[in-house]
Amino acid sequence: GAVVIETRTTGNGGPLQFTVSVNEDSRPIGRNNTETFSGVVPGPLDVTLDTGVCAVTRSTPEAPYFLATAGSLRIVFEVACPITERASSIEVRTDWTGHLGSQPLATPQFDAIVTDGAGNVSTQVIGARGAVVFGPLFASRNDYTVELVPREARCVVEGTSLFTRTLTPGVRTLVSFVVNC
């Protein structure tokens, strides 16, 4: 049989992923995500969801869990993750290195990409001279990588196009890139 686990998460605190176990098979599961366990032997099930500092507020159906012969079971966990730390943010700025007073021929665009320690990705579009802010972000989610990728072949990021930053709770971290087209 199959057991499908679904998480429905509210709040911005806590970890970005949890650990779900069905009998002795443990796997990571993201917030607001599903994980399917195939080949589960019918009968009583030992199902747990480790949410770290978050709380399981409800499961549907409620425990105890039982898988019927050749059947499937869907269990939905509602999880509350209140913010337990002050939020941080990352500001990404770009500056164009054209001649003084000149402007790019068209408004080139770049993708500013921020990835947290769990691999969750956020992307915003930014111009050759501009700024975007990513947040709320949380220092407890490990280091963040910040990358700038040109959307046009004629544009380049001068110097490095990838930075790693450690956040401080409640503080905005600035990451600047110089671009040319």
C-alpha atoms as a PDB file:
ATOM      1  CA  GLY A   1       0.000   0.000   0.000  1.00  0.00           C
ATOM      2  CA  ALA A   2       0.899   3.670  -0.029  1.00  0.00           C
ATOM      3  CA  VAL A   3       0.953   6.314   2.682  1.00  0.00           C
ATOM      4  CA  VAL A   4       0.906   9.961   1.589  1.00  0.00           C
ATOM      5  CA  ILE A   5       1.978  12.539   4.173  1.00  0.00           C
ATOM      6  CA  GLU A   6       1.058  16.198   3.634  1.00  0.00           C
ATOM      7  CA  THR A   7       2.213  19.186   5.676  1.00  0.00           C
ATOM      8  CA  ARG A   8       0.238  22.427   5.871  1.00  0.00           C
ATOM      9  CA  THR A   9       2.376  24.993   7.626  1.00  0.00           C
ATOM     10  CA  THR A  10       1.549  28.429   9.012  1.00  0.00           C
ATOM     11  CA  GLY A  11       4.041  30.976  10.346  1.00  0.00           C
ATOM     12  CA  ASN A  12       7.561  31.922   9.259  1.00  0.00           C
ATOM     13  CA  GLY A  13       9.550  30.563  12.210  1.00  0.00           C
ATOM     14  CA  GLY A  14      11.246  27.234  12.655  1.00  0.00           C
ATOM     15  CA  PRO A  15      12.971  24.953  10.172  1.00  0.00           C
ATOM     16  CA  LEU A  16      12.275  24.900   6.439  1.00  0.00           C
ATOM     17  CA  GLN A  17      11.874  21.156   6.428  1.00  0.00           C
ATOM     18  CA  PHE A  18      10.770  18.490   8.856  1.00  0.00           C
ATOM     19  CA  THR A  19      11.406  14.750   9.195  1.00  0.00           C
ATOM     20  CA  VAL A  20       8.524  12.334   8.673  1.00  0.00           C
ATOM     21  CA  SER A  21       8.700   8.653   9.608  1.00  0.00           C
ATOM     22  CA  VAL A  22       6.373   5.849   8.602  1.00  0.00           C
ATOM     23  CA  ASN A  23       7.242   2.745  10.585  1.00  0.00           C
ATOM     24  CA  GLU A  24      11.059   2.840  10.379  1.00  0.00           C
ATOM     25  CA  ASP A  25      11.416   4.765   7.096  1.00  0.00           C
ATOM     26  CA  SER A  26      12.400   8.429   7.755  1.00  0.00           C
ATOM     27  CA  ARG A  27      12.540  11.152   5.093  1.00  0.00           C
ATOM     28  CA  PRO A  28      12.754  14.939   4.876  1.00  0.00           C
ATOM     29  CA  ILE A  29       9.553  16.770   3.982  1.00  0.00           C
ATOM     30  CA  GLY A  30       9.242  20.478   3.240  1.00  0.00           C
ATOM     31  CA  ARG A  31       6.675  22.925   4.519  1.00  0.00           C
ATOM     32  CA  ASN A  32       3.405  22.724   2.569  1.00  0.00           C
ATOM     33  CA  ASN A  33       4.587  19.628   0.774  1.00  0.00           C
ATOM     34  CA  THR A  34       3.791  15.939   0.321  1.00  0.00           C
ATOM     35  CA  GLU A  35       5.850  12.781   0.627  1.00  0.00           C
ATOM     36  CA  THR A  36       4.678   9.346  -0.569  1.00  0.00           C
ATOM     37  CA  PHE A  37       5.771   6.102   1.062  1.00  0.00           C
ATOM     38  CA  SER A  38       5.166   3.151  -1.301  1.00  0.00           C
ATOM     39  CA  GLY A  39       5.239  -0.536  -0.481  1.00  0.00           C
ATOM     40  CA  VAL A  40       3.981  -0.035   3.075  1.00  0.00           C
ATOM     41  CA  VAL A  41       2.794  -3.249   4.735  1.00  0.00           C
ATOM     42  CA  PRO A  42      -0.921  -3.063   5.627  1.00  0.00           C
ATOM     43  CA  GLY A  43      -1.837  -2.856   9.298  1.00  0.00           C
ATOM     44  CA  PRO A  44      -1.136  -0.483  12.189  1.00  0.00           C
ATOM     45  CA  LEU A  45       1.304   2.301  11.353  1.00  0.00           C
ATOM     46  CA  ASP A  46       3.835   4.163  13.468  1.00  0.00           C
ATOM     47  CA  VAL A  47       3.774   7.663  11.930  1.00  0.00           C
ATOM     48  CA  THR A  48       5.706  10.613  13.397  1.00  0.00           C
ATOM     49  CA  LEU A  49       6.506  14.118  12.211  1.00  0.00           C
ATOM     50  CA  ASP A  50       9.518  15.842  13.787  1.00  0.00           C
ATOM     51  CA  THR A  51       8.960  19.592  13.379  1.00  0.00           C
ATOM     52  CA  GLY A  52      11.745  20.960  15.569  1.00  0.00           C
ATOM     53  CA  VAL A  53      10.470  24.069  17.369  1.00  0.00           C
ATOM     54  CA  CYS A  54       7.183  24.021  15.445  1.00  0.00           C
ATOM     55  CA  ALA A  55       4.046  22.324  16.772  1.00  0.00           C
ATOM     56  CA  VAL A  56       1.702  19.850  15.101  1.00  0.00           C
ATOM     57  CA  THR A  57      -1.694  21.390  15.838  1.00  0.00           C
ATOM     58  CA  ARG A  58      -3.798  18.699  14.161  1.00  0.00           C
ATOM     59  CA  SER A  59      -3.628  15.587  12.019  1.00  0.00           C
ATOM     60  CA  THR A  60      -6.371  14.312   9.741  1.00  0.00           C
ATOM     61  CA  PRO A  61      -7.186  11.542  10.351  1.00  0.00           C
ATOM     62  CA  GLU A  62      -6.121  11.444  13.980  1.00  0.00           C
ATOM     63  CA  ALA A  63      -3.861   8.701  15.374  1.00  0.00           C
ATOM     64  CA  PRO A  64      -3.834   5.736  15.621  1.00  0.00           C
ATOM     65  CA  TYR A  65      -3.141   5.207  11.913  1.00  0.00           C
ATOM     66  CA  PHE A  66      -4.063   2.023  10.045  1.00  0.00           C
ATOM     67  CA  LEU A  67      -3.425   1.029   6.428  1.00  0.00           C
ATOM     68  CA  ALA A  68      -6.060  -1.288   4.933  1.00  0.00           C
ATOM     69  CA  THR A  69      -5.007  -4.207   2.724  1.00  0.00           C
ATOM     70  CA  ALA A  70      -3.890  -2.987  -0.729  1.00  0.00           C
ATOM     71  CA  GLY A  71      -5.134   0.473   0.169  1.00  0.00           C
ATOM     72  CA  SER A  72      -3.712   3.925   0.543  1.00  0.00           C
ATOM     73  CA  LEU A  73      -3.857   6.417   3.377  1.00  0.00           C
ATOM     74  CA  ARG A  74      -3.400  10.188   3.251  1.00  0.00           C
ATOM     75  CA  ILE A  75      -2.439  11.921   6.500  1.00  0.00           C
ATOM     76  CA  VAL A  76      -2.477  15.728   6.663  1.00  0.00           C
ATOM     77  CA  PHE A  77      -0.459  17.397   9.423  1.00  0.00           C
ATOM     78  CA  GLU A  78      -1.212  21.014  10.277  1.00  0.00           C
ATOM     79  CA  VAL A  79       1.916  22.648  11.665  1.00  0.00           C
ATOM     80  CA  ALA A  80       2.298  26.038  13.393  1.00  0.00           C
ATOM     81  CA  CYS A  81       5.710  27.699  13.251  1.00  0.00           C
ATOM     82  CA  PRO A  82       5.672  31.005  15.125  1.00  0.00           C
ATOM     83  CA  ILE A  83       8.583  33.345  14.573  1.00  0.00           C
ATOM     84  CA  THR A  84      11.086  32.736  17.339  1.00  0.00           C
ATOM     85  CA  GLU A  85      13.811  35.074  16.114  1.00  0.00           C
ATOM     86  CA  ARG A  86      13.919  38.526  14.611  1.00  0.00           C
ATOM     87  CA  ALA A  87      13.757  38.470  10.836  1.00  0.00           C
ATOM     88  CA  SER A  88      16.659  39.574   8.693  1.00  0.00           C
ATOM     89  CA  SER A  89      16.805  40.573   5.047  1.00  0.00           C
ATOM     90  CA  ILE A  90      19.243  40.722   2.152  1.00  0.00           C
ATOM     91  CA  GLU A  91      19.363  43.781  -0.091  1.00  0.00           C
ATOM     92  CA  VAL A  92      20.842  43.157  -3.536  1.00  0.00           C
ATOM     93  CA  ARG A  93      22.120  46.217  -5.408  1.00  0.00           C
ATOM     94  CA  THR A  94      23.433  46.560  -8.931  1.00  0.00           C
ATOM     95  CA  ASP A  95      25.446  49.363 -10.499  1.00  0.00           C
ATOM     96  CA  TRP A  96      26.306  49.726 -14.172  1.00  0.00           C
ATOM     97  CA  THR A  97      29.899  50.616 -15.143  1.00  0.00           C
ATOM     98  CA  GLY A  98      29.149  52.567 -18.321  1.00  0.00           C
ATOM     99  CA  HIS A  99      30.761  55.942 -19.016  1.00  0.00           C
ATOM    100  CA  LEU A 100      29.877  58.802 -16.693  1.00  0.00           C
ATOM    101  CA  GLY A 101      26.408  60.060 -17.505  1.00  0.00           C
ATOM    102  CA  SER A 102      25.652  57.346 -20.028  1.00  0.00           C
ATOM    103  CA  GLN A 103      22.872  54.820 -19.702  1.00  0.00           C
ATOM    104  CA  PRO A 104      22.570  51.270 -21.038  1.00  0.00           C
ATOM    105  CA  LEU A 105      20.966  51.198 -24.521  1.00  0.00           C
ATOM    106  CA  ALA A 106      18.010  49.235 -23.193  1.00  0.00           C
ATOM    107  CA  THR A 107      17.145  48.416 -19.617  1.00  0.00           C
ATOM    108  CA  PRO A 108      19.027  45.154 -19.116  1.00  0.00           C
ATOM    109  CA  GLN A 109      17.642  42.790 -16.546  1.00  0.00           C
ATOM    110  CA  PHE A 110      19.276  40.330 -14.201  1.00  0.00           C
ATOM    111  CA  ASP A 111      17.982  37.584 -11.925  1.00  0.00           C
ATOM    112  CA  ALA A 112      18.948  38.083  -8.281  1.00  0.00           C
ATOM    113  CA  ILE A 113      18.813  34.615  -6.699  1.00  0.00           C
ATOM    114  CA  VAL A 114      18.937  33.946  -2.953  1.00  0.00           C
ATOM    115  CA  THR A 115      19.230  30.360  -1.686  1.00  0.00           C
ATOM    116  CA  ASP A 116      19.067  29.381   1.992  1.00  0.00           C
ATOM    117  CA  GLY A 117      20.954  26.542   3.678  1.00  0.00           C
ATOM    118  CA  ALA A 118      18.120  24.080   3.003  1.00  0.00           C
ATOM    119  CA  GLY A 119      18.164  24.769  -0.752  1.00  0.00           C
ATOM    120  CA  ASN A 120      15.031  26.932  -0.893  1.00  0.00           C
ATOM    121  CA  VAL A 121      15.364  29.473  -3.718  1.00  0.00           C
ATOM    122  CA  SER A 122      13.874  32.956  -4.141  1.00  0.00           C
ATOM    123  CA  THR A 123      14.344  34.988  -7.331  1.00  0.00           C
ATOM    124  CA  GLN A 124      13.639  38.630  -8.156  1.00  0.00           C
ATOM    125  CA  VAL A 125      14.319  40.616 -11.327  1.00  0.00           C
ATOM    126  CA  ILE A 126      16.608  43.647 -10.983  1.00  0.00           C
ATOM    127  CA  GLY A 127      17.796  46.244 -13.502  1.00  0.00           C
ATOM    128  CA  ALA A 128      21.368  47.344 -14.285  1.00  0.00           C
ATOM    129  CA  ARG A 129      21.033  50.093 -11.660  1.00  0.00           C
ATOM    130  CA  GLY A 130      18.684  49.011  -8.927  1.00  0.00           C
ATOM    131  CA  ALA A 131      17.960  47.312  -5.643  1.00  0.00           C
ATOM    132  CA  VAL A 132      15.686  44.504  -4.433  1.00  0.00           C
ATOM    133  CA  VAL A 133      15.111  43.204  -0.908  1.00  0.00           C
ATOM    134  CA  PHE A 134      14.628  39.560   0.058  1.00  0.00           C
ATOM    135  CA  GLY A 135      12.914  38.854   3.370  1.00  0.00           C
ATOM    136  CA  PRO A 136      11.873  37.904   5.884  1.00  0.00           C
ATOM    137  CA  LEU A 137      14.932  35.644   6.164  1.00  0.00           C
ATOM    138  CA  PHE A 138      16.156  33.867   9.273  1.00  0.00           C
ATOM    139  CA  ALA A 139      19.744  33.443  10.458  1.00  0.00           C
ATOM    140  CA  SER A 140      18.910  29.999  11.885  1.00  0.00           C
ATOM    141  CA  ARG A 141      18.521  28.684   8.327  1.00  0.00           C
ATOM    142  CA  ASN A 142      22.314  28.668   7.878  1.00  0.00           C
ATOM    143  CA  ASP A 143      24.267  30.665   5.327  1.00  0.00           C
ATOM    144  CA  TYR A 144      22.580  32.179   2.282  1.00  0.00           C
ATOM    145  CA  THR A 145      24.035  32.335  -1.211  1.00  0.00           C
ATOM    146  CA  VAL A 146      23.320  35.378  -3.348  1.00  0.00           C
ATOM    147  CA  GLU A 147      23.831  35.133  -7.104  1.00  0.00           C
ATOM    148  CA  LEU A 148      23.311  37.564  -9.971  1.00  0.00           C
ATOM    149  CA  VAL A 149      22.621  36.096 -13.430  1.00  0.00           C
ATOM    150  CA  PRO A 150      22.293  38.245 -16.588  1.00  0.00           C
ATOM    151  CA  ARG A 151      19.147  37.672 -18.653  1.00  0.00           C
ATOM    152  CA  GLU A 152      20.924  38.878 -21.813  1.00  0.00           C
ATOM    153  CA  ALA A 153      24.080  37.453 -23.419  1.00  0.00           C
ATOM    154  CA  ARG A 154      25.551  40.950 -23.917  1.00  0.00           C
ATOM    155  CA  CYS A 155      25.624  41.591 -20.152  1.00  0.00           C
ATOM    156  CA  VAL A 156      28.200  40.432 -17.624  1.00  0.00           C
ATOM    157  CA  VAL A 157      28.675  40.625 -13.876  1.00  0.00           C
ATOM    158  CA  GLU A 158      32.105  42.066 -13.171  1.00  0.00           C
ATOM    159  CA  GLY A 159      34.110  40.281 -10.480  1.00  0.00           C
ATOM    160  CA  THR A 160      32.271  37.551  -8.635  1.00  0.00           C
ATOM    161  CA  SER A 161      28.628  36.763  -9.385  1.00  0.00           C
ATOM    162  CA  LEU A 162      28.098  34.569  -6.288  1.00  0.00           C
ATOM    163  CA  PHE A 163      28.453  35.480  -2.610  1.00  0.00           C
ATOM    164  CA  THR A 164      27.785  33.545   0.611  1.00  0.00           C
ATOM    165  CA  ARG A 165      26.499  35.525   3.581  1.00  0.00           C
ATOM    166  CA  THR A 166      25.780  34.709   7.226  1.00  0.00           C
ATOM    167  CA  LEU A 167      22.831  36.708   8.543  1.00  0.00           C
ATOM    168  CA  THR A 168      22.501  38.483  11.868  1.00  0.00           C
ATOM    169  CA  PRO A 169      18.979  38.423  13.364  1.00  0.00           C
ATOM    170  CA  GLY A 170      17.185  41.734  12.767  1.00  0.00           C
ATOM    171  CA  VAL A 171      19.861  43.143  10.427  1.00  0.00           C
ATOM    172  CA  ARG A 172      19.688  43.836   6.666  1.00  0.00           C
ATOM    173  CA  THR A 173      22.733  42.498   4.811  1.00  0.00           C
ATOM    174  CA  LEU A 174      23.836  44.368   1.676  1.00  0.00           C
ATOM    175  CA  VAL A 175      25.255  42.521  -1.340  1.00  0.00           C
ATOM    176  CA  SER A 176      26.436  44.681  -4.271  1.00  0.00           C
ATOM    177  CA  PHE A 177      27.240  43.674  -7.836  1.00  0.00           C
ATOM    178  CA  VAL A 178      28.801  45.677 -10.669  1.00  0.00           C
ATOM    179  CA  VAL A 179      27.414  44.900 -14.119  1.00  0.00           C
ATOM    180  CA  ASN A 180      28.197  45.902 -17.690  1.00  0.00           C
ATOM    181  CA  CYS A 181      26.334  45.476 -20.961  1.00  0.00           C
END
